[in-house]
Amino acid sequence: MNSRLPRLLLFFLAAIFSAFPLPARAVGIWHRDYASGLAEAKAEGKKLLVVFTGTDWIEICEKFYDEILGDPAFIEAVSGKFALVKLEFPQNNQLPRGEAAERAVLREAYRVRGFPTVILADAEGRPFGINGYQPVTAVDYAGQILAIEAAQAEGLSVASKAGELDGMERAKALSRAIPDLPGGLLSRFYRPEMEAVLAADPEDTLKLGALFRGLLADAEFNRQLQLLAKDAKWEEMIALTDRHIEEQKLTEASLQGALLNRAGFEQRAGKAQTALETLRRVVSLDPESDPGLEAARILEAASVPSSGVTSERPTSPVPRAMPVE
């Protein structure tokens, strides 16, 4: 498997954002674009704190900024360690085209599914922590952020000494470089680290083998889907999805997510009725999960009851080619 994918993704992001001008900025003030925040992090040896938010239309986002993020006590506490970036997502996405495209790329790269979301990342853009709104004081929230940063720094310090160790101790040390993140982010940004742990622990004493191999399989599955999508090979993408479901023995939300993608491929392949059946299966597995709700939304948009039978053409989900966390 190609462990260079996360680095290629970060190179792609850097290439995009290097084209944006870097505005003048006073210390401790929130950046309004990712590029200038990344530039500060690199220049000053800091990490990134990126807030994905919609303060003009989501009440909790406005509350988050008024009570915590905009409080001088919070800014003073964290700005020595972090470059601060606040990315707004206005209602109806009313942004200039280039800005909207930039934020869409970032939102997908960091798998942000709701607002507000706080992503902590290193100066290369690799995430190591996620947080959201908490009903605490600005000082207490800063403490949470700094605790996550301290844990990451300690883990990297331990992992840096892995070369001096053997066997299980080496595997344990290497595992400390892998943060506590949703699987989709680990497979996207931490493939080399997971592969190193697997190589150092062939007997799976740490009991991380099943998790890491599953995440790596998801990453490889995504890579193959993306290659097939370039040539619109929808039938092959359907077959690949079916093999992935069977080989990985997917269940629950992971199975629903794969089936939701397959419905999109089926629609693109001209199999509208089959896509309907797949969408109904997604809903039947768990109507309250995120994939279940999305499948129901697609069926409703096409005026198709999730339990009904019709020959109407559904609104197809866009094939995402990614695992569902």
C-alpha atoms as a PDB file:
ATOM      1  CA  MET A   1       0.000   0.000   0.000  1.00  0.00           C
ATOM      2  CA  ASN A   2       1.142   3.494  -0.756  1.00  0.00           C
ATOM      3  CA  SER A   3       2.098   5.196   2.515  1.00  0.00           C
ATOM      4  CA  ARG A   4       2.861   8.436   0.635  1.00  0.00           C
ATOM      5  CA  LEU A   5      -0.820   9.326   0.225  1.00  0.00           C
ATOM      6  CA  PRO A   6      -1.103  11.539   3.338  1.00  0.00           C
ATOM      7  CA  ARG A   7       2.022  13.444   2.303  1.00  0.00           C
ATOM      8  CA  LEU A   8       0.619  13.882  -1.212  1.00  0.00           C
ATOM      9  CA  LEU A   9      -2.629  15.190   0.225  1.00  0.00           C
ATOM     10  CA  LEU A  10      -0.779  17.707   2.382  1.00  0.00           C
ATOM     11  CA  PHE A  11       1.342  18.754  -0.587  1.00  0.00           C
ATOM     12  CA  PHE A  12      -1.870  19.285  -2.558  1.00  0.00           C
ATOM     13  CA  LEU A  13      -3.352  21.417   0.216  1.00  0.00           C
ATOM     14  CA  ALA A  14      -0.173  23.450   0.544  1.00  0.00           C
ATOM     15  CA  ALA A  15      -0.101  24.074  -3.208  1.00  0.00           C
ATOM     16  CA  ILE A  16      -3.667  25.357  -3.149  1.00  0.00           C
ATOM     17  CA  PHE A  17      -3.285  27.622  -0.160  1.00  0.00           C
ATOM     18  CA  SER A  18       0.111  29.024  -1.131  1.00  0.00           C
ATOM     19  CA  ALA A  19      -1.719  30.964  -3.853  1.00  0.00           C
ATOM     20  CA  PHE A  20      -3.705  32.959  -1.286  1.00  0.00           C
ATOM     21  CA  PRO A  21      -2.260  36.264  -0.003  1.00  0.00           C
ATOM     22  CA  LEU A  22      -1.193  36.349   3.624  1.00  0.00           C
ATOM     23  CA  PRO A  23      -2.760  39.349   5.406  1.00  0.00           C
ATOM     24  CA  ALA A  24      -0.961  41.309   8.112  1.00  0.00           C
ATOM     25  CA  ARG A  25      -1.921  40.064  11.538  1.00  0.00           C
ATOM     26  CA  ALA A  26      -1.338  40.986  15.168  1.00  0.00           C
ATOM     27  CA  VAL A  27      -0.355  38.251  17.637  1.00  0.00           C
ATOM     28  CA  GLY A  28      -3.339  36.481  19.164  1.00  0.00           C
ATOM     29  CA  ILE A  29      -5.865  37.519  16.499  1.00  0.00           C
ATOM     30  CA  TRP A  30      -7.792  34.878  14.569  1.00  0.00           C
ATOM     31  CA  HIS A  31      -6.748  34.208  10.988  1.00  0.00           C
ATOM     32  CA  ARG A  32      -9.638  34.120   8.531  1.00  0.00           C
ATOM     33  CA  ASP A  33      -7.902  31.787   6.082  1.00  0.00           C
ATOM     34  CA  TYR A  34      -5.942  28.572   6.410  1.00  0.00           C
ATOM     35  CA  ALA A  35      -2.921  29.733   4.414  1.00  0.00           C
ATOM     36  CA  SER A  36      -1.945  32.567   6.729  1.00  0.00           C
ATOM     37  CA  GLY A  37      -2.462  30.386   9.804  1.00  0.00           C
ATOM     38  CA  LEU A  38      -0.258  27.674   8.313  1.00  0.00           C
ATOM     39  CA  ALA A  39       2.398  30.274   7.476  1.00  0.00           C
ATOM     40  CA  GLU A  40       2.443  31.500  11.075  1.00  0.00           C
ATOM     41  CA  ALA A  41       2.675  27.948  12.412  1.00  0.00           C
ATOM     42  CA  LYS A  42       5.644  27.151  10.188  1.00  0.00           C
ATOM     43  CA  ALA A  43       7.425  30.451  10.806  1.00  0.00           C
ATOM     44  CA  GLU A  44       6.983  30.469  14.591  1.00  0.00           C
ATOM     45  CA  GLY A  45       7.185  26.758  15.389  1.00  0.00           C
ATOM     46  CA  LYS A  46       3.544  26.547  16.417  1.00  0.00           C
ATOM     47  CA  LYS A  47       0.697  24.155  15.801  1.00  0.00           C
ATOM     48  CA  LEU A  48      -2.684  24.868  14.230  1.00  0.00           C
ATOM     49  CA  LEU A  49      -6.018  25.355  15.939  1.00  0.00           C
ATOM     50  CA  VAL A  50      -8.661  25.466  13.209  1.00  0.00           C
ATOM     51  CA  VAL A  51     -12.298  26.181  14.014  1.00  0.00           C
ATOM     52  CA  PHE A  52     -14.936  25.207  11.453  1.00  0.00           C
ATOM     53  CA  THR A  53     -17.989  27.273  12.316  1.00  0.00           C
ATOM     54  CA  GLY A  54     -21.104  29.090  11.165  1.00  0.00           C
ATOM     55  CA  THR A  55     -21.565  31.935  13.607  1.00  0.00           C
ATOM     56  CA  ASP A  56     -24.045  33.867  11.455  1.00  0.00           C
ATOM     57  CA  TRP A  57     -26.667  31.099  11.443  1.00  0.00           C
ATOM     58  CA  ILE A  58     -25.904  28.524  14.164  1.00  0.00           C
ATOM     59  CA  GLU A  59     -26.622  29.723  17.678  1.00  0.00           C
ATOM     60  CA  ILE A  60     -24.142  27.406  19.393  1.00  0.00           C
ATOM     61  CA  CYS A  61     -21.355  28.638  17.090  1.00  0.00           C
ATOM     62  CA  GLU A  62     -22.085  32.240  18.030  1.00  0.00           C
ATOM     63  CA  LYS A  63     -22.159  31.276  21.717  1.00  0.00           C
ATOM     64  CA  PHE A  64     -18.865  29.395  21.318  1.00  0.00           C
ATOM     65  CA  TYR A  65     -17.123  32.467  19.931  1.00  0.00           C
ATOM     66  CA  ASP A  66     -18.702  34.986  22.307  1.00  0.00           C
ATOM     67  CA  GLU A  67     -18.031  32.982  25.460  1.00  0.00           C
ATOM     68  CA  ILE A  68     -14.786  31.152  24.669  1.00  0.00           C
ATOM     69  CA  LEU A  69     -12.939  31.639  21.399  1.00  0.00           C
ATOM     70  CA  GLY A  70     -13.119  35.423  21.388  1.00  0.00           C
ATOM     71  CA  ASP A  71     -12.269  35.760  25.079  1.00  0.00           C
ATOM     72  CA  PRO A  72      -8.813  37.353  25.566  1.00  0.00           C
ATOM     73  CA  ALA A  73      -8.124  34.826  28.343  1.00  0.00           C
ATOM     74  CA  PHE A  74      -8.491  31.929  25.876  1.00  0.00           C
ATOM     75  CA  ILE A  75      -6.472  33.639  23.153  1.00  0.00           C
ATOM     76  CA  GLU A  76      -3.663  34.551  25.541  1.00  0.00           C
ATOM     77  CA  ALA A  77      -3.507  31.006  26.927  1.00  0.00           C
ATOM     78  CA  VAL A  78      -3.252  29.160  23.614  1.00  0.00           C
ATOM     79  CA  SER A  79      -1.700  31.602  21.117  1.00  0.00           C
ATOM     80  CA  GLY A  80       1.827  30.830  22.305  1.00  0.00           C
ATOM     81  CA  LYS A  81       1.376  27.224  21.144  1.00  0.00           C
ATOM     82  CA  PHE A  82      -1.117  27.603  18.289  1.00  0.00           C
ATOM     83  CA  ALA A  83      -1.766  29.702  15.230  1.00  0.00           C
ATOM     84  CA  LEU A  84      -5.504  30.385  15.395  1.00  0.00           C
ATOM     85  CA  VAL A  85      -7.691  29.924  12.319  1.00  0.00           C
ATOM     86  CA  LYS A  86     -11.441  30.556  12.214  1.00  0.00           C
ATOM     87  CA  LEU A  87     -13.125  29.297   9.048  1.00  0.00           C
ATOM     88  CA  GLU A  88     -16.679  30.536   8.602  1.00  0.00           C
ATOM     89  CA  PHE A  89     -19.248  28.589   6.617  1.00  0.00           C
ATOM     90  CA  PRO A  90     -22.118  31.051   6.043  1.00  0.00           C
ATOM     91  CA  GLN A  91     -25.652  29.858   5.547  1.00  0.00           C
ATOM     92  CA  ASN A  92     -26.251  28.862   1.903  1.00  0.00           C
ATOM     93  CA  ASN A  93     -22.437  28.874   1.402  1.00  0.00           C
ATOM     94  CA  GLN A  94     -22.390  32.547   0.379  1.00  0.00           C
ATOM     95  CA  LEU A  95     -18.655  32.862  -0.187  1.00  0.00           C
ATOM     96  CA  PRO A  96     -16.489  33.867  -3.167  1.00  0.00           C
ATOM     97  CA  ARG A  97     -15.915  30.840  -5.372  1.00  0.00           C
ATOM     98  CA  GLY A  98     -12.222  30.417  -4.557  1.00  0.00           C
ATOM     99  CA  GLU A  99     -12.813  30.783  -0.837  1.00  0.00           C
ATOM    100  CA  ALA A 100     -15.702  28.317  -0.903  1.00  0.00           C
ATOM    101  CA  ALA A 101     -13.567  25.783  -2.794  1.00  0.00           C
ATOM    102  CA  GLU A 102     -10.699  26.169  -0.312  1.00  0.00           C
ATOM    103  CA  ARG A 103     -12.957  25.563   2.668  1.00  0.00           C
ATOM    104  CA  ALA A 104     -14.704  22.633   1.021  1.00  0.00           C
ATOM    105  CA  VAL A 105     -11.317  20.954   0.495  1.00  0.00           C
ATOM    106  CA  LEU A 106     -10.361  21.544   4.118  1.00  0.00           C
ATOM    107  CA  ARG A 107     -13.696  20.379   5.462  1.00  0.00           C
ATOM    108  CA  GLU A 108     -13.384  17.124   3.527  1.00  0.00           C
ATOM    109  CA  ALA A 109      -9.701  16.655   4.366  1.00  0.00           C
ATOM    110  CA  TYR A 110     -10.442  16.874   8.083  1.00  0.00           C
ATOM    111  CA  ARG A 111     -13.743  14.988   7.803  1.00  0.00           C
ATOM    112  CA  VAL A 112     -15.717  17.778   9.462  1.00  0.00           C
ATOM    113  CA  ARG A 113     -19.358  16.704   9.629  1.00  0.00           C
ATOM    114  CA  GLY A 114     -20.853  19.434  11.809  1.00  0.00           C
ATOM    115  CA  PHE A 115     -20.310  22.890  13.287  1.00  0.00           C
ATOM    116  CA  PRO A 116     -18.613  23.960  15.415  1.00  0.00           C
ATOM    117  CA  THR A 117     -15.637  21.604  15.129  1.00  0.00           C
ATOM    118  CA  VAL A 118     -12.140  22.356  16.414  1.00  0.00           C
ATOM    119  CA  ILE A 119      -9.216  20.615  14.701  1.00  0.00           C
ATOM    120  CA  LEU A 120      -5.760  20.627  16.263  1.00  0.00           C
ATOM    121  CA  ALA A 121      -2.990  19.926  13.761  1.00  0.00           C
ATOM    122  CA  ASP A 122       0.771  20.132  13.472  1.00  0.00           C
ATOM    123  CA  ALA A 123       2.569  22.643  11.269  1.00  0.00           C
ATOM    124  CA  GLU A 124       2.313  20.202   8.355  1.00  0.00           C
ATOM    125  CA  GLY A 125      -1.475  20.119   8.687  1.00  0.00           C
ATOM    126  CA  ARG A 126      -1.688  16.623  10.192  1.00  0.00           C
ATOM    127  CA  PRO A 127      -4.481  16.499  12.796  1.00  0.00           C
ATOM    128  CA  PHE A 128      -3.847  15.176  16.284  1.00  0.00           C
ATOM    129  CA  GLY A 129      -6.940  16.302  18.181  1.00  0.00           C
ATOM    130  CA  ILE A 130     -10.611  17.155  17.786  1.00  0.00           C
ATOM    131  CA  ASN A 131     -12.868  19.145  20.063  1.00  0.00           C
ATOM    132  CA  GLY A 132     -16.100  21.098  19.911  1.00  0.00           C
ATOM    133  CA  TYR A 133     -18.144  23.410  22.048  1.00  0.00           C
ATOM    134  CA  GLN A 134     -18.051  22.667  25.780  1.00  0.00           C
ATOM    135  CA  PRO A 135     -20.106  24.549  28.405  1.00  0.00           C
ATOM    136  CA  VAL A 136     -17.007  25.635  30.344  1.00  0.00           C
ATOM    137  CA  THR A 137     -15.099  28.858  30.916  1.00  0.00           C
ATOM    138  CA  ALA A 138     -12.611  30.202  28.395  1.00  0.00           C
ATOM    139  CA  VAL A 139      -9.743  29.344  30.756  1.00  0.00           C
ATOM    140  CA  ASP A 140     -10.981  25.784  31.250  1.00  0.00           C
ATOM    141  CA  TYR A 141     -11.401  25.304  27.516  1.00  0.00           C
ATOM    142  CA  ALA A 142      -7.874  26.533  26.935  1.00  0.00           C
ATOM    143  CA  GLY A 143      -6.779  23.943  29.481  1.00  0.00           C
ATOM    144  CA  GLN A 144      -8.445  21.190  27.437  1.00  0.00           C
ATOM    145  CA  ILE A 145      -6.662  22.330  24.278  1.00  0.00           C
ATOM    146  CA  LEU A 146      -3.282  22.564  25.975  1.00  0.00           C
ATOM    147  CA  ALA A 147      -3.746  19.122  27.555  1.00  0.00           C
ATOM    148  CA  ILE A 148      -4.337  17.578  24.122  1.00  0.00           C
ATOM    149  CA  GLU A 149      -1.251  19.366  22.788  1.00  0.00           C
ATOM    150  CA  ALA A 150       0.864  18.200  25.729  1.00  0.00           C
ATOM    151  CA  ALA A 151      -0.253  14.590  25.254  1.00  0.00           C
ATOM    152  CA  GLN A 152       0.648  14.747  21.572  1.00  0.00           C
ATOM    153  CA  ALA A 153       4.071  16.231  22.326  1.00  0.00           C
ATOM    154  CA  GLU A 154       4.755  13.544  24.923  1.00  0.00           C
ATOM    155  CA  GLY A 155       3.662  10.792  22.534  1.00  0.00           C
ATOM    156  CA  LEU A 156       5.967  12.063  19.798  1.00  0.00           C
ATOM    157  CA  SER A 157       8.841  12.268  22.262  1.00  0.00           C
ATOM    158  CA  VAL A 158       8.333   8.636  23.281  1.00  0.00           C
ATOM    159  CA  ALA A 159       7.985   7.503  19.657  1.00  0.00           C
ATOM    160  CA  SER A 160      11.202   9.297  18.690  1.00  0.00           C
ATOM    161  CA  LYS A 161      13.127   6.900  20.926  1.00  0.00           C
ATOM    162  CA  ALA A 162      11.630   3.766  19.352  1.00  0.00           C
ATOM    163  CA  GLY A 163      14.777   3.184  17.304  1.00  0.00           C
ATOM    164  CA  GLU A 164      16.642   2.427  20.522  1.00  0.00           C
ATOM    165  CA  LEU A 165      14.151  -0.285  21.520  1.00  0.00           C
ATOM    166  CA  ASP A 166      13.297  -3.812  20.400  1.00  0.00           C
ATOM    167  CA  GLY A 167      10.255  -6.042  20.245  1.00  0.00           C
ATOM    168  CA  MET A 168       7.199  -5.103  22.239  1.00  0.00           C
ATOM    169  CA  GLU A 169       8.783  -1.987  23.739  1.00  0.00           C
ATOM    170  CA  ARG A 170       9.482  -0.706  20.249  1.00  0.00           C
ATOM    171  CA  ALA A 171       5.895  -1.342  19.163  1.00  0.00           C
ATOM    172  CA  LYS A 172       4.533   0.422  22.250  1.00  0.00           C
ATOM    173  CA  ALA A 173       6.746   3.435  21.635  1.00  0.00           C
ATOM    174  CA  LEU A 174       5.764   3.651  17.967  1.00  0.00           C
ATOM    175  CA  SER A 175       2.084   3.484  18.874  1.00  0.00           C
ATOM    176  CA  ARG A 176       2.441   6.642  20.954  1.00  0.00           C
ATOM    177  CA  ALA A 177       2.855   8.658  17.750  1.00  0.00           C
ATOM    178  CA  ILE A 178      -0.697   7.734  16.699  1.00  0.00           C
ATOM    179  CA  PRO A 179      -3.278  10.125  18.192  1.00  0.00           C
ATOM    180  CA  ASP A 180      -6.785   9.300  19.337  1.00  0.00           C
ATOM    181  CA  LEU A 181      -8.722  10.229  16.200  1.00  0.00           C
ATOM    182  CA  PRO A 182     -11.627   8.816  14.183  1.00  0.00           C
ATOM    183  CA  GLY A 183     -10.574   6.015  11.862  1.00  0.00           C
ATOM    184  CA  GLY A 184     -10.994   8.013   8.683  1.00  0.00           C
ATOM    185  CA  LEU A 185      -8.447  10.578   9.823  1.00  0.00           C
ATOM    186  CA  LEU A 186      -6.008   7.909  10.985  1.00  0.00           C
ATOM    187  CA  SER A 187      -6.145   6.091   7.661  1.00  0.00           C
ATOM    188  CA  ARG A 188      -5.694   9.345   5.772  1.00  0.00           C
ATOM    189  CA  PHE A 189      -2.878  10.901   7.805  1.00  0.00           C
ATOM    190  CA  TYR A 190      -1.198   8.132   9.838  1.00  0.00           C
ATOM    191  CA  ARG A 191      -0.692   5.183   7.518  1.00  0.00           C
ATOM    192  CA  PRO A 192       3.117   5.021   7.934  1.00  0.00           C
ATOM    193  CA  GLU A 193       2.801   5.027  11.725  1.00  0.00           C
ATOM    194  CA  MET A 194       0.193   2.263  11.713  1.00  0.00           C
ATOM    195  CA  GLU A 195       2.269   0.157   9.331  1.00  0.00           C
ATOM    196  CA  ALA A 196       5.320   0.625  11.571  1.00  0.00           C
ATOM    197  CA  VAL A 197       3.397  -0.619  14.624  1.00  0.00           C
ATOM    198  CA  LEU A 198       2.106  -3.661  12.720  1.00  0.00           C
ATOM    199  CA  ALA A 199       5.631  -4.502  11.573  1.00  0.00           C
ATOM    200  CA  ALA A 200       6.993  -4.194  15.116  1.00  0.00           C
ATOM    201  CA  ASP A 201       4.203  -6.313  16.632  1.00  0.00           C
ATOM    202  CA  PRO A 202       3.673  -9.279  14.291  1.00  0.00           C
ATOM    203  CA  GLU A 203       2.034 -11.335  17.068  1.00  0.00           C
ATOM    204  CA  ASP A 204      -0.458  -8.537  17.784  1.00  0.00           C
ATOM    205  CA  THR A 205       0.326  -8.375  21.478  1.00  0.00           C
ATOM    206  CA  LEU A 206      -0.966  -4.788  21.593  1.00  0.00           C
ATOM    207  CA  LYS A 207      -4.272  -5.936  20.042  1.00  0.00           C
ATOM    208  CA  LEU A 208      -4.128  -3.147  17.460  1.00  0.00           C
ATOM    209  CA  GLY A 209      -3.819  -5.412  14.432  1.00  0.00           C
ATOM    210  CA  ALA A 210      -7.494  -5.740  13.544  1.00  0.00           C
ATOM    211  CA  LEU A 211      -8.122  -2.005  13.916  1.00  0.00           C
ATOM    212  CA  PHE A 212      -5.070  -0.854  11.981  1.00  0.00           C
ATOM    213  CA  ARG A 213      -5.419  -3.438   9.214  1.00  0.00           C
ATOM    214  CA  GLY A 214      -9.057  -2.484   8.789  1.00  0.00           C
ATOM    215  CA  LEU A 215      -8.169   1.208   8.533  1.00  0.00           C
ATOM    216  CA  LEU A 216      -5.385   0.490   6.067  1.00  0.00           C
ATOM    217  CA  ALA A 217      -7.764  -1.652   4.008  1.00  0.00           C
ATOM    218  CA  ASP A 218     -10.214   1.271   3.958  1.00  0.00           C
ATOM    219  CA  ALA A 219      -7.469   3.601   2.753  1.00  0.00           C
ATOM    220  CA  GLU A 220      -6.480   1.195  -0.026  1.00  0.00           C
ATOM    221  CA  PHE A 221     -10.140   0.744  -0.963  1.00  0.00           C
ATOM    222  CA  ASN A 222     -10.483   4.522  -1.255  1.00  0.00           C
ATOM    223  CA  ARG A 223      -7.370   4.757  -3.385  1.00  0.00           C
ATOM    224  CA  GLN A 224      -8.661   2.151  -5.828  1.00  0.00           C
ATOM    225  CA  LEU A 225     -12.090   3.796  -6.011  1.00  0.00           C
ATOM    226  CA  GLN A 226     -10.545   7.157  -6.796  1.00  0.00           C
ATOM    227  CA  LEU A 227      -8.485   5.643  -9.615  1.00  0.00           C
ATOM    228  CA  LEU A 228     -11.575   3.980 -11.111  1.00  0.00           C
ATOM    229  CA  ALA A 229     -13.647   7.153 -10.727  1.00  0.00           C
ATOM    230  CA  LYS A 230     -11.225   9.072 -12.939  1.00  0.00           C
ATOM    231  CA  ASP A 231     -12.337   6.902 -15.871  1.00  0.00           C
ATOM    232  CA  ALA A 232     -15.978   6.630 -14.743  1.00  0.00           C
ATOM    233  CA  LYS A 233     -15.684   2.856 -14.305  1.00  0.00           C
ATOM    234  CA  TRP A 234     -18.888   2.596 -12.287  1.00  0.00           C
ATOM    235  CA  GLU A 235     -19.439  -1.146 -12.756  1.00  0.00           C
ATOM    236  CA  GLU A 236     -15.953  -1.890 -11.508  1.00  0.00           C
ATOM    237  CA  MET A 237     -16.524   0.436  -8.556  1.00  0.00           C
ATOM    238  CA  ILE A 238     -19.688  -1.470  -7.655  1.00  0.00           C
ATOM    239  CA  ALA A 239     -17.826  -4.776  -7.787  1.00  0.00           C
ATOM    240  CA  LEU A 240     -14.935  -3.365  -5.758  1.00  0.00           C
ATOM    241  CA  THR A 241     -17.378  -2.113  -3.111  1.00  0.00           C
ATOM    242  CA  ASP A 242     -19.020  -5.533  -2.852  1.00  0.00           C
ATOM    243  CA  ARG A 243     -15.630  -7.223  -2.433  1.00  0.00           C
ATOM    244  CA  HIS A 244     -14.621  -4.707   0.225  1.00  0.00           C
ATOM    245  CA  ILE A 245     -17.847  -5.303   2.173  1.00  0.00           C
ATOM    246  CA  GLU A 246     -17.313  -9.065   2.055  1.00  0.00           C
ATOM    247  CA  GLU A 247     -13.572  -9.119   2.764  1.00  0.00           C
ATOM    248  CA  GLN A 248     -13.756  -6.640   5.638  1.00  0.00           C
ATOM    249  CA  LYS A 249     -17.027  -8.087   6.974  1.00  0.00           C
ATOM    250  CA  LEU A 250     -18.432  -4.594   7.337  1.00  0.00           C
ATOM    251  CA  THR A 251     -21.303  -4.043   9.757  1.00  0.00           C
ATOM    252  CA  GLU A 252     -23.385  -1.199  11.157  1.00  0.00           C
ATOM    253  CA  ALA A 253     -22.499   2.338   9.991  1.00  0.00           C
ATOM    254  CA  SER A 254     -19.457   1.143   8.017  1.00  0.00           C
ATOM    255  CA  LEU A 255     -21.675  -1.199   5.990  1.00  0.00           C
ATOM    256  CA  GLN A 256     -24.279   1.528   5.519  1.00  0.00           C
ATOM    257  CA  GLY A 257     -21.643   3.974   4.332  1.00  0.00           C
ATOM    258  CA  ALA A 258     -20.267   1.527   1.779  1.00  0.00           C
ATOM    259  CA  LEU A 259     -23.786   0.763   0.522  1.00  0.00           C
ATOM    260  CA  LEU A 260     -24.604   4.467   0.285  1.00  0.00           C
ATOM    261  CA  ASN A 261     -21.564   4.923  -1.925  1.00  0.00           C
ATOM    262  CA  ARG A 262     -22.585   1.895  -3.979  1.00  0.00           C
ATOM    263  CA  ALA A 263     -26.025   3.419  -4.589  1.00  0.00           C
ATOM    264  CA  GLY A 264     -24.276   6.410  -6.100  1.00  0.00           C
ATOM    265  CA  PHE A 265     -22.176   4.203  -8.352  1.00  0.00           C
ATOM    266  CA  GLU A 266     -25.276   2.250  -9.403  1.00  0.00           C
ATOM    267  CA  GLN A 267     -27.080   5.458 -10.322  1.00  0.00           C
ATOM    268  CA  ARG A 268     -24.107   6.615 -12.394  1.00  0.00           C
ATOM    269  CA  ALA A 269     -24.051   3.224 -14.093  1.00  0.00           C
ATOM    270  CA  GLY A 270     -27.688   3.685 -15.187  1.00  0.00           C
ATOM    271  CA  LYS A 271     -29.106   1.239 -12.639  1.00  0.00           C
ATOM    272  CA  ALA A 272     -31.733   3.510 -11.105  1.00  0.00           C
ATOM    273  CA  GLN A 273     -33.961   0.771  -9.704  1.00  0.00           C
ATOM    274  CA  THR A 274     -31.014  -1.064  -8.162  1.00  0.00           C
ATOM    275  CA  ALA A 275     -29.858   2.204  -6.588  1.00  0.00           C
ATOM    276  CA  LEU A 276     -33.311   2.610  -5.027  1.00  0.00           C
ATOM    277  CA  GLU A 277     -33.147  -0.868  -3.548  1.00  0.00           C
ATOM    278  CA  THR A 278     -29.679  -0.194  -2.134  1.00  0.00           C
ATOM    279  CA  LEU A 279     -30.826   3.074  -0.566  1.00  0.00           C
ATOM    280  CA  ARG A 280     -33.795   1.329   1.039  1.00  0.00           C
ATOM    281  CA  ARG A 281     -31.447  -1.304   2.431  1.00  0.00           C
ATOM    282  CA  VAL A 282     -29.291   1.434   3.990  1.00  0.00           C
ATOM    283  CA  VAL A 283     -32.353   2.905   5.716  1.00  0.00           C
ATOM    284  CA  SER A 284     -33.579  -0.500   6.905  1.00  0.00           C
ATOM    285  CA  LEU A 285     -30.246  -1.293   8.596  1.00  0.00           C
ATOM    286  CA  ASP A 286     -30.431   1.763  10.870  1.00  0.00           C
ATOM    287  CA  PRO A 287     -32.666   4.717   9.981  1.00  0.00           C
ATOM    288  CA  GLU A 288     -31.162   6.885  12.746  1.00  0.00           C
ATOM    289  CA  SER A 289     -27.493   6.629  11.759  1.00  0.00           C
ATOM    290  CA  ASP A 290     -25.862   9.299   9.593  1.00  0.00           C
ATOM    291  CA  PRO A 291     -25.831   7.067   6.476  1.00  0.00           C
ATOM    292  CA  GLY A 292     -29.421   6.002   7.188  1.00  0.00           C
ATOM    293  CA  LEU A 293     -30.571   9.603   7.464  1.00  0.00           C
ATOM    294  CA  GLU A 294     -28.709  10.517   4.277  1.00  0.00           C
ATOM    295  CA  ALA A 295     -30.250   7.629   2.343  1.00  0.00           C
ATOM    296  CA  ALA A 296     -33.707   8.616   3.598  1.00  0.00           C
ATOM    297  CA  ARG A 297     -33.065  12.209   2.540  1.00  0.00           C
ATOM    298  CA  ILE A 298     -32.122  11.114  -0.972  1.00  0.00           C
ATOM    299  CA  LEU A 299     -35.205   8.946  -1.255  1.00  0.00           C
ATOM    300  CA  GLU A 300     -37.436  11.731   0.027  1.00  0.00           C
ATOM    301  CA  ALA A 301     -35.895  14.248  -2.381  1.00  0.00           C
ATOM    302  CA  ALA A 302     -36.870  11.940  -5.209  1.00  0.00           C
ATOM    303  CA  SER A 303     -40.405  11.558  -3.785  1.00  0.00           C
ATOM    304  CA  VAL A 304     -39.715   7.924  -3.093  1.00  0.00           C
ATOM    305  CA  PRO A 305     -40.961   6.486   0.232  1.00  0.00           C
ATOM    306  CA  SER A 306     -38.140   4.548   1.880  1.00  0.00           C
ATOM    307  CA  SER A 307     -40.390   1.480   2.132  1.00  0.00           C
ATOM    308  CA  GLY A 308     -42.259   1.947  -1.138  1.00  0.00           C
ATOM    309  CA  VAL A 309     -41.767   0.689  -4.671  1.00  0.00           C
ATOM    310  CA  THR A 310     -41.503   3.047  -7.631  1.00  0.00           C
ATOM    311  CA  SER A 311     -39.770   3.428 -10.932  1.00  0.00           C
ATOM    312  CA  GLU A 312     -38.965   7.100 -10.386  1.00  0.00           C
ATOM    313  CA  ARG A 313     -35.372   8.134 -10.843  1.00  0.00           C
ATOM    314  CA  PRO A 314     -33.713   8.963  -7.501  1.00  0.00           C
ATOM    315  CA  THR A 315     -31.458  11.871  -6.767  1.00  0.00           C
ATOM    316  CA  SER A 316     -28.110  10.123  -6.689  1.00  0.00           C
ATOM    317  CA  PRO A 317     -25.613  10.619  -3.887  1.00  0.00           C
ATOM    318  CA  VAL A 318     -22.256  11.801  -5.162  1.00  0.00           C
ATOM    319  CA  PRO A 319     -19.805   8.905  -4.849  1.00  0.00           C
ATOM    320  CA  ARG A 320     -17.543   9.889  -1.957  1.00  0.00           C
ATOM    321  CA  ALA A 321     -14.952   7.135  -2.168  1.00  0.00           C
ATOM    322  CA  MET A 322     -14.195   7.246   1.525  1.00  0.00           C
ATOM    323  CA  PRO A 323     -14.849   5.167   4.614  1.00  0.00           C
ATOM    324  CA  VAL A 324     -17.507   6.203   7.070  1.00  0.00           C
ATOM    325  CA  GLU A 325     -16.219   6.733  10.604  1.00  0.00           C
END
